[in-house]
């Protein structure tokens, strides 16, 4: 009966050692998994940071583009105003030229009559 108990005890001891070995393997796999997870998280964080920087740059470009568009519109309005002024000045010059021609004709007619 004592021999049987010793055999059972050795069997249990053997099973315990086997389970300890399996546990060690599982712990090693868990450690490897944690290392990989940390590596992936680091990569994800780096990619997130790059994405944030890219989005920030994109917003800057959008803002700059909007400023350029506003400036273009402002310049277009100025050009229109200048064209209107030029047209008005051209008309005034033409009127003055007509008045001058009329005055010259009157002077010539008066000179011929005298």
PDB file of N, CA and C in Angstrom:
ATOM      1  N   UNK A   1       0.837  -1.205   0.000  1.00  0.00           N
ATOM      2  CA  UNK A   1       0.000   0.000   0.000  1.00  0.00           C
ATOM      3  C   UNK A   1       0.874   1.258   0.000  1.00  0.00           C
ATOM      4  N   UNK A   2       1.948   1.225   0.733  1.00  0.00           N
ATOM      5  CA  UNK A   2       2.879   2.349   0.770  1.00  0.00           C
ATOM      6  C   UNK A   2       3.578   2.508  -0.578  1.00  0.00           C
ATOM      7  N   UNK A   3       3.869   1.413  -1.206  1.00  0.00           N
ATOM      8  CA  UNK A   3       4.511   1.437  -2.527  1.00  0.00           C
ATOM      9  C   UNK A   3       3.585   2.102  -3.536  1.00  0.00           C
ATOM     10  N   UNK A   4       2.313   1.757  -3.441  1.00  0.00           N
ATOM     11  CA  UNK A   4       1.326   2.349  -4.349  1.00  0.00           C
ATOM     12  C   UNK A   4       1.257   3.852  -4.152  1.00  0.00           C
ATOM     13  N   UNK A   5       1.275   4.306  -2.912  1.00  0.00           N
ATOM     14  CA  UNK A   5       1.235   5.740  -2.628  1.00  0.00           C
ATOM     15  C   UNK A   5       2.489   6.421  -3.166  1.00  0.00           C
ATOM     16  N   UNK A   6       3.648   5.777  -3.022  1.00  0.00           N
ATOM     17  CA  UNK A   6       4.886   6.340  -3.550  1.00  0.00           C
ATOM     18  C   UNK A   6       4.809   6.489  -5.060  1.00  0.00           C
ATOM     19  N   UNK A   7       4.255   5.455  -5.716  1.00  0.00           N
ATOM     20  CA  UNK A   7       4.129   5.498  -7.167  1.00  0.00           C
ATOM     21  C   UNK A   7       3.195   6.629  -7.595  1.00  0.00           C
ATOM     22  N   UNK A   8       2.088   6.763  -6.874  1.00  0.00           N
ATOM     23  CA  UNK A   8       1.142   7.848  -7.186  1.00  0.00           C
ATOM     24  C   UNK A   8       1.818   9.199  -6.969  1.00  0.00           C
ATOM     25  N   UNK A   9       2.566   9.299  -5.876  1.00  0.00           N
ATOM     26  CA  UNK A   9       3.264  10.547  -5.568  1.00  0.00           C
ATOM     27  C   UNK A   9       4.265  10.875  -6.676  1.00  0.00           C
ATOM     28  N   UNK A  10       5.004   9.886  -7.150  1.00  0.00           N
ATOM     29  CA  UNK A  10       5.968  10.112  -8.226  1.00  0.00           C
ATOM     30  C   UNK A  10       5.245  10.500  -9.508  1.00  0.00           C
ATOM     31  N   UNK A  11       4.102   9.857  -9.744  1.00  0.00           N
ATOM     32  CA  UNK A  11       3.308  10.175 -10.934  1.00  0.00           C
ATOM     33  C   UNK A  11       2.836  11.625 -10.876  1.00  0.00           C
ATOM     34  N   UNK A  12       2.340  12.024  -9.699  1.00  0.00           N
ATOM     35  CA  UNK A  12       1.891  13.406  -9.542  1.00  0.00           C
ATOM     36  C   UNK A  12       3.057  14.379  -9.664  1.00  0.00           C
ATOM     37  N   UNK A  13       4.191  14.020  -9.095  1.00  0.00           N
ATOM     38  CA  UNK A  13       5.391  14.862  -9.184  1.00  0.00           C
ATOM     39  C   UNK A  13       5.792  15.033 -10.649  1.00  0.00           C
ATOM     40  N   UNK A  14       5.722  13.931 -11.396  1.00  0.00           N
ATOM     41  CA  UNK A  14       6.069  13.966 -12.811  1.00  0.00           C
ATOM     42  C   UNK A  14       5.092  14.868 -13.571  1.00  0.00           C
ATOM     43  N   UNK A  15       3.796  14.741 -13.260  1.00  0.00           N
ATOM     44  CA  UNK A  15       2.778  15.585 -13.906  1.00  0.00           C
ATOM     45  C   UNK A  15       3.000  17.064 -13.561  1.00  0.00           C
ATOM     46  N   UNK A  16       3.350  17.324 -12.287  1.00  0.00           N
ATOM     47  CA  UNK A  16       3.602  18.708 -11.858  1.00  0.00           C
ATOM     48  C   UNK A  16       4.779  19.292 -12.638  1.00  0.00           C
ATOM     49  N   UNK A  17       5.856  18.520 -12.784  1.00  0.00           N
ATOM     50  CA  UNK A  17       7.025  18.994 -13.535  1.00  0.00           C
ATOM     51  C   UNK A  17       6.652  19.252 -14.988  1.00  0.00           C
ATOM     52  N   UNK A  18       5.833  18.362 -15.550  1.00  0.00           N
ATOM     53  CA  UNK A  18       5.391  18.518 -16.934  1.00  0.00           C
ATOM     54  C   UNK A  18       4.568  19.799 -17.085  1.00  0.00           C
ATOM     55  N   UNK A  19       3.654  20.012 -16.143  1.00  0.00           N
ATOM     56  CA  UNK A  19       2.827  21.224 -16.179  1.00  0.00           C
ATOM     57  C   UNK A  19       3.674  22.481 -15.997  1.00  0.00           C
ATOM     58  N   UNK A  20       4.716  22.389 -15.117  1.00  0.00           N
ATOM     59  CA  UNK A  20       5.611  23.531 -14.931  1.00  0.00           C
ATOM     60  C   UNK A  20       6.303  23.867 -16.246  1.00  0.00           C
ATOM     61  N   UNK A  21       6.725  22.828 -16.965  1.00  0.00           N
ATOM     62  CA  UNK A  21       7.376  23.031 -18.264  1.00  0.00           C
ATOM     63  C   UNK A  21       6.423  23.688 -19.251  1.00  0.00           C
ATOM     64  N   UNK A  22       5.184  23.185 -19.303  1.00  0.00           N
ATOM     65  CA  UNK A  22       4.180  23.778 -20.195  1.00  0.00           C
ATOM     66  C   UNK A  22       3.914  25.231 -19.808  1.00  0.00           C
ATOM     67  N   UNK A  23       3.855  25.479 -18.504  1.00  0.00           N
ATOM     68  CA  UNK A  23       3.616  26.835 -18.011  1.00  0.00           C
ATOM     69  C   UNK A  23       4.760  27.767 -18.423  1.00  0.00           C
ATOM     70  N   UNK A  24       5.994  27.253 -18.326  1.00  0.00           N
ATOM     71  CA  UNK A  24       7.157  28.050 -18.732  1.00  0.00           C
ATOM     72  C   UNK A  24       7.066  28.404 -20.214  1.00  0.00           C
ATOM     73  N   UNK A  25       6.679  27.420 -21.059  1.00  0.00           N
ATOM     74  CA  UNK A  25       6.520  27.654 -22.498  1.00  0.00           C
ATOM     75  C   UNK A  25       5.422  28.689 -22.728  1.00  0.00           C
ATOM     76  N   UNK A  26       4.299  28.526 -22.035  1.00  0.00           N
ATOM     77  CA  UNK A  26       3.192  29.477 -22.181  1.00  0.00           C
ATOM     78  C   UNK A  26       3.627  30.875 -21.757  1.00  0.00           C
ATOM     79  N   UNK A  27       4.384  30.964 -20.672  1.00  0.00           N
ATOM     80  CA  UNK A  27       4.862  32.274 -20.192  1.00  0.00           C
ATOM     81  C   UNK A  27       5.798  32.897 -21.217  1.00  0.00           C
ATOM     82  N   UNK A  28       6.650  32.079 -21.820  1.00  0.00           N
ATOM     83  CA  UNK A  28       7.563  32.584 -22.842  1.00  0.00           C
ATOM     84  C   UNK A  28       6.771  33.078 -24.049  1.00  0.00           C
ATOM     85  N   UNK A  29       5.751  32.312 -24.453  1.00  0.00           N
ATOM     86  CA  UNK A  29       4.914  32.748 -25.578  1.00  0.00           C
ATOM     87  C   UNK A  29       4.185  34.044 -25.249  1.00  0.00           C
ATOM     88  N   UNK A  30       3.714  34.141 -24.003  1.00  0.00           N
ATOM     89  CA  UNK A  30       3.030  35.361 -23.571  1.00  0.00           C
ATOM     90  C   UNK A  30       3.991  36.555 -23.621  1.00  0.00           C
ATOM     91  N   UNK A  31       5.224  36.348 -23.178  1.00  0.00           N
ATOM     92  CA  UNK A  31       6.229  37.415 -23.220  1.00  0.00           C
ATOM     93  C   UNK A  31       6.513  37.848 -24.656  1.00  0.00           C
ATOM     94  N   UNK A  32       6.663  36.855 -25.538  1.00  0.00           N
ATOM     95  CA  UNK A  32       6.900  37.166 -26.953  1.00  0.00           C
ATOM     96  C   UNK A  32       5.720  37.940 -27.535  1.00  0.00           C
ATOM     97  N   UNK A  33       4.520  37.525 -27.180  1.00  0.00           N
ATOM     98  CA  UNK A  33       3.318  38.217 -27.645  1.00  0.00           C
ATOM     99  C   UNK A  33       3.319  39.670 -27.165  1.00  0.00           C
ATOM    100  N   UNK A  34       3.650  39.878 -25.892  1.00  0.00           N
ATOM    101  CA  UNK A  34       3.684  41.237 -25.336  1.00  0.00           C
ATOM    102  C   UNK A  34       4.723  42.095 -26.058  1.00  0.00           C
ATOM    103  N   UNK A  35       5.884  41.497 -26.356  1.00  0.00           N
ATOM    104  CA  UNK A  35       6.918  42.233 -27.080  1.00  0.00           C
ATOM    105  C   UNK A  35       6.415  42.653 -28.462  1.00  0.00           C
ATOM    106  N   UNK A  36       5.791  41.721 -29.175  1.00  0.00           N
ATOM    107  CA  UNK A  36       5.245  42.026 -30.507  1.00  0.00           C
ATOM    108  C   UNK A  36       4.161  43.090 -30.402  1.00  0.00           C
ATOM    109  N   UNK A  37       3.308  42.945 -29.399  1.00  0.00           N
ATOM    110  CA  UNK A  37       2.230  43.922 -29.216  1.00  0.00           C
ATOM    111  C   UNK A  37       2.808  45.312 -28.971  1.00  0.00           C
ATOM    112  N   UNK A  38       3.849  45.376 -28.147  1.00  0.00           N
ATOM    113  CA  UNK A  38       4.496  46.668 -27.879  1.00  0.00           C
ATOM    114  C   UNK A  38       5.121  47.254 -29.143  1.00  0.00           C
ATOM    115  N   UNK A  39       5.755  46.384 -29.942  1.00  0.00           N
ATOM    116  CA  UNK A  39       6.331  46.846 -31.206  1.00  0.00           C
ATOM    117  C   UNK A  39       5.245  47.403 -32.126  1.00  0.00           C
ATOM    118  N   UNK A  40       4.145  46.678 -32.256  1.00  0.00           N
ATOM    119  CA  UNK A  40       3.052  47.125 -33.119  1.00  0.00           C
ATOM    120  C   UNK A  40       2.444  48.427 -32.608  1.00  0.00           C
ATOM    121  N   UNK A  41       2.276  48.516 -31.287  1.00  0.00           N
ATOM    122  CA  UNK A  41       1.728  49.750 -30.718  1.00  0.00           C
ATOM    123  C   UNK A  41       2.649  50.933 -30.985  1.00  0.00           C
ATOM    124  N   UNK A  42       3.950  50.696 -30.906  1.00  0.00           N
ATOM    125  CA  UNK A  42       4.922  51.759 -31.198  1.00  0.00           C
ATOM    126  C   UNK A  42       4.779  52.204 -32.653  1.00  0.00           C
ATOM    127  N   UNK A  43       4.688  51.242 -33.559  1.00  0.00           N
ATOM    128  CA  UNK A  43       4.529  51.551 -34.987  1.00  0.00           C
ATOM    129  C   UNK A  43       3.225  52.312 -35.219  1.00  0.00           C
ATOM    130  N   UNK A  44       2.147  51.852 -34.578  1.00  0.00           N
ATOM    131  CA  UNK A  44       0.843  52.513 -34.725  1.00  0.00           C
ATOM    132  C   UNK A  44       0.930  53.954 -34.226  1.00  0.00           C
ATOM    133  N   UNK A  45       1.583  54.161 -33.094  1.00  0.00           N
ATOM    134  CA  UNK A  45       1.735  55.520 -32.553  1.00  0.00           C
ATOM    135  C   UNK A  45       2.536  56.406 -33.497  1.00  0.00           C
ATOM    136  N   UNK A  46       3.598  55.842 -34.089  1.00  0.00           N
ATOM    137  CA  UNK A  46       4.401  56.609 -35.049  1.00  0.00           C
ATOM    138  C   UNK A  46       3.555  56.981 -36.266  1.00  0.00           C
ATOM    139  N   UNK A  47       2.781  56.021 -36.754  1.00  0.00           N
ATOM    140  CA  UNK A  47       1.924  56.276 -37.925  1.00  0.00           C
ATOM    141  C   UNK A  47       0.859  57.319 -37.575  1.00  0.00           C
ATOM    142  N   UNK A  48       0.303  57.240 -36.372  1.00  0.00           N
ATOM    143  CA  UNK A  48      -0.691  58.229 -35.935  1.00  0.00           C
ATOM    144  C   UNK A  48      -0.071  59.617 -35.904  1.00  0.00           C
ATOM    145  N   UNK A  49       1.153  59.698 -35.403  1.00  0.00           N
ATOM    146  CA  UNK A  49       1.838  60.999 -35.329  1.00  0.00           C
ATOM    147  C   UNK A  49       2.077  61.550 -36.731  1.00  0.00           C
ATOM    148  N   UNK A  50       2.506  60.680 -37.647  1.00  0.00           N
ATOM    149  CA  UNK A  50       2.698  61.107 -39.036  1.00  0.00           C
ATOM    150  C   UNK A  50       1.381  61.572 -39.652  1.00  0.00           C
ATOM    151  N   UNK A  51       0.320  60.851 -39.349  1.00  0.00           N
ATOM    152  CA  UNK A  51      -0.992  61.229 -39.871  1.00  0.00           C
ATOM    153  C   UNK A  51      -1.411  62.603 -39.341  1.00  0.00           C
ATOM    154  N   UNK A  52      -1.187  62.832 -38.058  1.00  0.00           N
ATOM    155  CA  UNK A  52      -1.521  64.133 -37.471  1.00  0.00           C
ATOM    156  C   UNK A  52      -0.718  65.246 -38.139  1.00  0.00           C
ATOM    157  N   UNK A  53       0.579  64.990 -38.352  1.00  0.00           N
ATOM    158  CA  UNK A  53       1.425  65.993 -39.002  1.00  0.00           C
ATOM    159  C   UNK A  53       0.937  66.270 -40.421  1.00  0.00           C
ATOM    160  N   UNK A  54       0.594  65.198 -41.126  1.00  0.00           N
ATOM    161  CA  UNK A  54       0.110  65.336 -42.499  1.00  0.00           C
ATOM    162  C   UNK A  54      -1.190  66.130 -42.532  1.00  0.00           C
ATOM    163  N   UNK A  55      -2.094  65.822 -41.593  1.00  0.00           N
ATOM    164  CA  UNK A  55      -3.360  66.557 -41.528  1.00  0.00           C
ATOM    165  C   UNK A  55      -3.123  68.020 -41.203  1.00  0.00           C
ATOM    166  N   UNK A  56      -2.171  68.280 -40.327  1.00  0.00           N
ATOM    167  CA  UNK A  56      -1.826  69.658 -39.966  1.00  0.00           C
ATOM    168  C   UNK A  56      -1.295  70.407 -41.187  1.00  0.00           C
ATOM    169  N   UNK A  57      -0.408  69.751 -41.934  1.00  0.00           N
ATOM    170  CA  UNK A  57       0.129  70.371 -43.150  1.00  0.00           C
ATOM    171  C   UNK A  57      -0.987  70.614 -44.162  1.00  0.00           C
ATOM    172  N   UNK A  58      -1.890  69.657 -44.272  1.00  0.00           N
ATOM    173  CA  UNK A  58      -3.012  69.799 -45.207  1.00  0.00           C
ATOM    174  C   UNK A  58      -3.866  71.003 -44.836  1.00  0.00           C
ATOM    175  N   UNK A  59      -4.124  71.178 -43.551  1.00  0.00           N
ATOM    176  CA  UNK A  59      -4.910  72.330 -43.099  1.00  0.00           C
ATOM    177  C   UNK A  59      -4.189  73.631 -43.418  1.00  0.00           C
ATOM    178  N   UNK A  60      -2.855  73.643 -43.252  1.00  0.00           N
ATOM    179  CA  UNK A  60      -2.080  74.834 -43.596  1.00  0.00           C
ATOM    180  C   UNK A  60      -2.217  75.143 -45.083  1.00  0.00           C
ATOM    181  N   UNK A  61      -2.117  74.095 -45.922  1.00  0.00           N
ATOM    182  CA  UNK A  61      -2.237  74.304 -47.360  1.00  0.00           C
ATOM    183  C   UNK A  61      -3.640  74.782 -47.728  1.00  0.00           C
ATOM    184  N   UNK A  62      -4.648  74.217 -47.080  1.00  0.00           N
ATOM    185  CA  UNK A  62      -6.022  74.656 -47.347  1.00  0.00           C
ATOM    186  C   UNK A  62      -6.184  76.130 -46.999  1.00  0.00           C
ATOM    187  N   UNK A  63      -5.645  76.518 -45.859  1.00  0.00           N
ATOM    188  CA  UNK A  63      -5.729  77.907 -45.416  1.00  0.00           C
ATOM    189  C   UNK A  63      -4.991  78.818 -46.388  1.00  0.00           C
ATOM    190  N   UNK A  64      -3.801  78.398 -46.785  1.00  0.00           N
ATOM    191  CA  UNK A  64      -3.016  79.182 -47.738  1.00  0.00           C
ATOM    192  C   UNK A  64      -3.760  79.299 -49.070  1.00  0.00           C
ATOM    193  N   UNK A  65      -4.331  78.198 -49.517  1.00  0.00           N
ATOM    194  CA  UNK A  65      -5.080  78.196 -50.775  1.00  0.00           C
ATOM    195  C   UNK A  65      -6.278  79.145 -50.689  1.00  0.00           C
ATOM    196  N   UNK A  66      -6.952  79.139 -49.547  1.00  0.00           N
ATOM    197  CA  UNK A  66      -8.100  80.026 -49.351  1.00  0.00           C
ATOM    198  C   UNK A  66      -7.648  81.489 -49.392  1.00  0.00           C
ATOM    199  N   UNK A  67      -6.510  81.773 -48.757  1.00  0.00           N
ATOM    200  CA  UNK A  67      -5.958  83.130 -48.771  1.00  0.00           C
ATOM    201  C   UNK A  67      -5.629  83.555 -50.198  1.00  0.00           C
ATOM    202  N   UNK A  68      -5.020  82.642 -50.955  1.00  0.00           N
ATOM    203  CA  UNK A  68      -4.672  82.939 -52.348  1.00  0.00           C
ATOM    204  C   UNK A  68      -5.934  83.214 -53.165  1.00  0.00           C
ATOM    205  N   UNK A  69      -6.963  82.394 -52.966  1.00  0.00           N
ATOM    206  CA  UNK A  69      -8.221  82.593 -53.696  1.00  0.00           C
ATOM    207  C   UNK A  69      -8.835  83.955 -53.363  1.00  0.00           C
ATOM    208  N   UNK A  70      -8.819  84.316 -52.083  1.00  0.00           N
ATOM    209  CA  UNK A  70      -9.362  85.612 -51.683  1.00  0.00           C
ATOM    210  C   UNK A  70      -8.567  86.735 -52.329  1.00  0.00           C
ATOM    211  N   UNK A  71      -7.258  86.589 -52.354  1.00  0.00           N
ATOM    212  CA  UNK A  71      -6.403  87.610 -52.962  1.00  0.00           C
ATOM    213  C   UNK A  71      -6.684  87.716 -54.460  1.00  0.00           C
ATOM    214  N   UNK A  72      -6.860  86.562 -55.112  1.00  0.00           N
ATOM    215  CA  UNK A  72      -7.176  86.568 -56.546  1.00  0.00           C
ATOM    216  C   UNK A  72      -8.496  87.302 -56.802  1.00  0.00           C
ATOM    217  N   UNK A  73      -9.497  87.024 -55.964  1.00  0.00           N
ATOM    218  CA  UNK A  73     -10.792  87.689 -56.134  1.00  0.00           C
ATOM    219  C   UNK A  73     -10.653  89.187 -55.905  1.00  0.00           C
ATOM    220  N   UNK A  74      -9.896  89.559 -54.895  1.00  0.00           N
ATOM    221  CA  UNK A  74      -9.673  90.972 -54.593  1.00  0.00           C
ATOM    222  C   UNK A  74      -8.974  91.652 -55.776  1.00  0.00           C
ATOM    223  N   UNK A  75      -7.975  90.986 -56.320  1.00  0.00           N
ATOM    224  CA  UNK A  75      -7.264  91.549 -57.466  1.00  0.00           C
ATOM    225  C   UNK A  75      -8.170  91.638 -58.686  1.00  0.00           C
ATOM    226  N   UNK A  76      -9.033  90.666 -58.865  1.00  0.00           N
ATOM    227  CA  UNK A  76      -9.967  90.697 -59.991  1.00  0.00           C
ATOM    228  C   UNK A  76     -10.894  91.902 -59.869  1.00  0.00           C
ATOM    229  N   UNK A  77     -11.357  92.186 -58.653  1.00  0.00           N
ATOM    230  CA  UNK A  77     -12.219  93.350 -58.423  1.00  0.00           C
ATOM    231  C   UNK A  77     -11.433  94.636 -58.722  1.00  0.00           C
ATOM    232  N   UNK A  78     -10.198  94.692 -58.252  1.00  0.00           N
ATOM    233  CA  UNK A  78      -9.360  95.878 -58.517  1.00  0.00           C
ATOM    234  C   UNK A  78      -9.147  96.073 -60.008  1.00  0.00           C
ATOM    235  N   UNK A  79      -8.878  94.980 -60.715  1.00  0.00           N
ATOM    236  CA  UNK A  79      -8.666  95.067 -62.167  1.00  0.00           C
ATOM    237  C   UNK A  79      -9.932  95.582 -62.839  1.00  0.00           C
ATOM    238  N   UNK A  80     -11.079  95.078 -62.413  1.00  0.00           N
ATOM    239  CA  UNK A  80     -12.358  95.544 -62.983  1.00  0.00           C
ATOM    240  C   UNK A  80     -12.524  97.042 -62.748  1.00  0.00           C
ATOM    241  N   UNK A  81     -12.234  97.481 -61.535  1.00  0.00           N
ATOM    242  CA  UNK A  81     -12.359  98.905 -61.208  1.00  0.00           C
ATOM    243  C   UNK A  81     -11.395  99.731 -62.061  1.00  0.00           C
ATOM    244  N   UNK A  82     -10.178  99.249 -62.221  1.00  0.00           N
ATOM    245  CA  UNK A  82      -9.195  99.970 -63.025  1.00  0.00           C
ATOM    246  C   UNK A  82      -9.615 100.029 -64.491  1.00  0.00           C
ATOM    247  N   UNK A  83     -10.204  98.928 -64.987  1.00  0.00           N
ATOM    248  CA  UNK A  83     -10.686  98.914 -66.373  1.00  0.00           C
ATOM    249  C   UNK A  83     -11.819  99.921 -66.551  1.00  0.00           C
ATOM    250  N   UNK A  84     -12.690  99.994 -65.548  1.00  0.00           N
ATOM    251  CA  UNK A  84     -13.788 100.969 -65.599  1.00  0.00           C
ATOM    252  C   UNK A  84     -13.220 102.394 -65.608  1.00  0.00           C
ATOM    253  N   UNK A  85     -12.233 102.644 -64.748  1.00  0.00           N
ATOM    254  CA  UNK A  85     -11.599 103.969 -64.708  1.00  0.00           C
ATOM    255  C   UNK A  85     -10.929 104.282 -66.044  1.00  0.00           C
ATOM    256  N   UNK A  86     -10.257 103.292 -66.616  1.00  0.00           N
ATOM    257  CA  UNK A  86      -9.589 103.488 -67.896  1.00  0.00           C
ATOM    258  C   UNK A  86     -10.605 103.809 -68.987  1.00  0.00           C
ATOM    259  N   UNK A  87     -11.721 103.087 -68.978  1.00  0.00           N
ATOM    260  CA  UNK A  87     -12.774 103.345 -69.967  1.00  0.00           C
ATOM    261  C   UNK A  87     -13.296 104.765 -69.810  1.00  0.00           C
ATOM    262  N   UNK A  88     -13.547 105.176 -68.573  1.00  0.00           N
ATOM    263  CA  UNK A  88     -14.035 106.537 -68.301  1.00  0.00           C
ATOM    264  C   UNK A  88     -13.017 107.567 -68.776  1.00  0.00           C
ATOM    265  N   UNK A  89     -11.743 107.339 -68.458  1.00  0.00           N
ATOM    266  CA  UNK A  89     -10.706 108.290 -68.868  1.00  0.00           C
ATOM    267  C   UNK A  89     -10.589 108.342 -70.396  1.00  0.00           C
ATOM    268  N   UNK A  90     -10.720 107.191 -71.060  1.00  0.00           N
ATOM    269  CA  UNK A  90     -10.666 107.149 -72.527  1.00  0.00           C
ATOM    270  C   UNK A  90     -11.812 107.968 -73.115  1.00  0.00           C
ATOM    271  N   UNK A  91     -12.996 107.821 -72.531  1.00  0.00           N
ATOM    272  CA  UNK A  91     -14.149 108.589 -73.005  1.00  0.00           C
ATOM    273  C   UNK A  91     -13.910 110.092 -72.804  1.00  0.00           C
ATOM    274  N   UNK A  92     -13.344 110.457 -71.673  1.00  0.00           N
ATOM    275  CA  UNK A  92     -13.058 111.864 -71.406  1.00  0.00           C
ATOM    276  C   UNK A  92     -12.047 112.413 -72.409  1.00  0.00           C
ATOM    277  N   UNK A  93     -11.010 111.623 -72.707  1.00  0.00           N
ATOM    278  CA  UNK A  93     -10.008 112.047 -73.697  1.00  0.00           C
ATOM    279  C   UNK A  93     -10.668 112.246 -75.059  1.00  0.00           C
ATOM    280  N   UNK A  94     -11.547 111.309 -75.435  1.00  0.00           N
ATOM    281  CA  UNK A  94     -12.235 111.429 -76.728  1.00  0.00           C
ATOM    282  C   UNK A  94     -13.101 112.698 -76.764  1.00  0.00           C
ATOM    283  N   UNK A  95     -13.803 112.990 -75.663  1.00  0.00           N
ATOM    284  CA  UNK A  95     -14.623 114.205 -75.597  1.00  0.00           C
ATOM    285  C   UNK A  95     -13.744 115.449 -75.741  1.00  0.00           C
ATOM    286  N   UNK A  96     -12.614 115.457 -75.061  1.00  0.00           N
ATOM    287  CA  UNK A  96     -11.706 116.592 -75.138  1.00  0.00           C
ATOM    288  C   UNK A  96     -11.171 116.753 -76.560  1.00  0.00           C
ATOM    289  N   UNK A  97     -10.861 115.593 -77.215  1.00  0.00           N
ATOM    290  CA  UNK A  97     -10.361 115.649 -78.587  1.00  0.00           C
ATOM    291  C   UNK A  97     -11.437 116.223 -79.520  1.00  0.00           C
ATOM    292  N   UNK A  98     -12.699 115.811 -79.271  1.00  0.00           N
ATOM    293  CA  UNK A  98     -13.799 116.338 -80.096  1.00  0.00           C
ATOM    294  C   UNK A  98     -13.953 117.835 -79.859  1.00  0.00           C
ATOM    295  N   UNK A  99     -13.884 118.256 -78.591  1.00  0.00           N
ATOM    296  CA  UNK A  99     -13.995 119.673 -78.287  1.00  0.00           C
ATOM    297  C   UNK A  99     -12.845 120.451 -78.921  1.00  0.00           C
ATOM    298  N   UNK A 100     -11.649 119.883 -78.880  1.00  0.00           N
ATOM    299  CA  UNK A 100     -10.492 120.526 -79.479  1.00  0.00           C
ATOM    300  C   UNK A 100     -10.670 120.645 -80.991  1.00  0.00           C
ATOM    301  N   UNK A 101     -11.127 119.572 -81.617  1.00  0.00           N
ATOM    302  CA  UNK A 101     -11.349 119.596 -83.072  1.00  0.00           C
ATOM    303  C   UNK A 101     -12.417 120.626 -83.418  1.00  0.00           C
ATOM    304  N   UNK A 102     -13.455 120.670 -82.622  1.00  0.00           N
ATOM    305  CA  UNK A 102     -14.530 121.650 -82.851  1.00  0.00           C
ATOM    306  C   UNK A 102     -13.982 123.062 -82.696  1.00  0.00           C
ATOM    307  N   UNK A 103     -13.177 123.274 -81.671  1.00  0.00           N
ATOM    308  CA  UNK A 103     -12.602 124.604 -81.450  1.00  0.00           C
ATOM    309  C   UNK A 103     -11.668 124.983 -82.585  1.00  0.00           C
ATOM    310  N   UNK A 104     -10.908 123.994 -83.085  1.00  0.00           N
ATOM    311  CA  UNK A 104     -10.006 124.277 -84.211  1.00  0.00           C
ATOM    312  C   UNK A 104     -10.813 124.649 -85.454  1.00  0.00           C
ATOM    313  N   UNK A 105     -11.921 123.933 -85.674  1.00  0.00           N
ATOM    314  CA  UNK A 105     -12.760 124.238 -86.831  1.00  0.00           C
ATOM    315  C   UNK A 105     -13.339 125.652 -86.711  1.00  0.00           C
ATOM    316  N   UNK A 106     -13.785 125.987 -85.493  1.00  0.00           N
ATOM    317  CA  UNK A 106     -14.340 127.341 -85.294  1.00  0.00           C
ATOM    318  C   UNK A 106     -13.256 128.392 -85.512  1.00  0.00           C
ATOM    319  N   UNK A 107     -12.052 128.123 -85.043  1.00  0.00           N
ATOM    320  CA  UNK A 107     -10.963 129.081 -85.226  1.00  0.00           C
ATOM    321  C   UNK A 107     -10.615 129.235 -86.700  1.00  0.00           C
ATOM    322  N   UNK A 108     -10.631 128.108 -87.422  1.00  0.00           N
ATOM    323  CA  UNK A 108     -10.339 128.159 -88.854  1.00  0.00           C
ATOM    324  C   UNK A 108     -11.434 128.940 -89.593  1.00  0.00           C
ATOM    325  N   UNK A 109     -12.699 128.692 -89.192  1.00  0.00           N
ATOM    326  CA  UNK A 109     -13.822 129.378 -89.837  1.00  0.00           C
ATOM    327  C   UNK A 109     -13.753 130.877 -89.549  1.00  0.00           C
ATOM    328  N   UNK A 110     -13.411 131.233 -88.330  1.00  0.00           N
ATOM    329  CA  UNK A 110     -13.288 132.654 -87.971  1.00  0.00           C
ATOM    330  C   UNK A 110     -12.115 133.281 -88.713  1.00  0.00           C
ATOM    331  N   UNK A 111     -11.029 132.547 -88.847  1.00  0.00           N
ATOM    332  CA  UNK A 111      -9.877 133.070 -89.558  1.00  0.00           C
ATOM    333  C   UNK A 111     -10.203 133.256 -91.031  1.00  0.00           C
ATOM    334  N   UNK A 112     -10.978 132.355 -91.601  1.00  0.00           N
ATOM    335  CA  UNK A 112     -11.331 132.456 -93.006  1.00  0.00           C
ATOM    336  C   UNK A 112     -12.312 133.603 -93.217  1.00  0.00           C
ATOM    337  N   UNK A 113     -13.194 133.845 -92.235  1.00  0.00           N
ATOM    338  CA  UNK A 113     -14.186 134.911 -92.361  1.00  0.00           C
ATOM    339  C   UNK A 113     -13.520 136.265 -92.193  1.00  0.00           C
ATOM    340  N   UNK A 114     -12.427 136.334 -91.504  1.00  0.00           N
ATOM    341  CA  UNK A 114     -11.801 137.632 -91.241  1.00  0.00           C
ATOM    342  C   UNK A 114     -11.000 138.162 -92.392  1.00  0.00           C
TER     343      UNK A 114
END
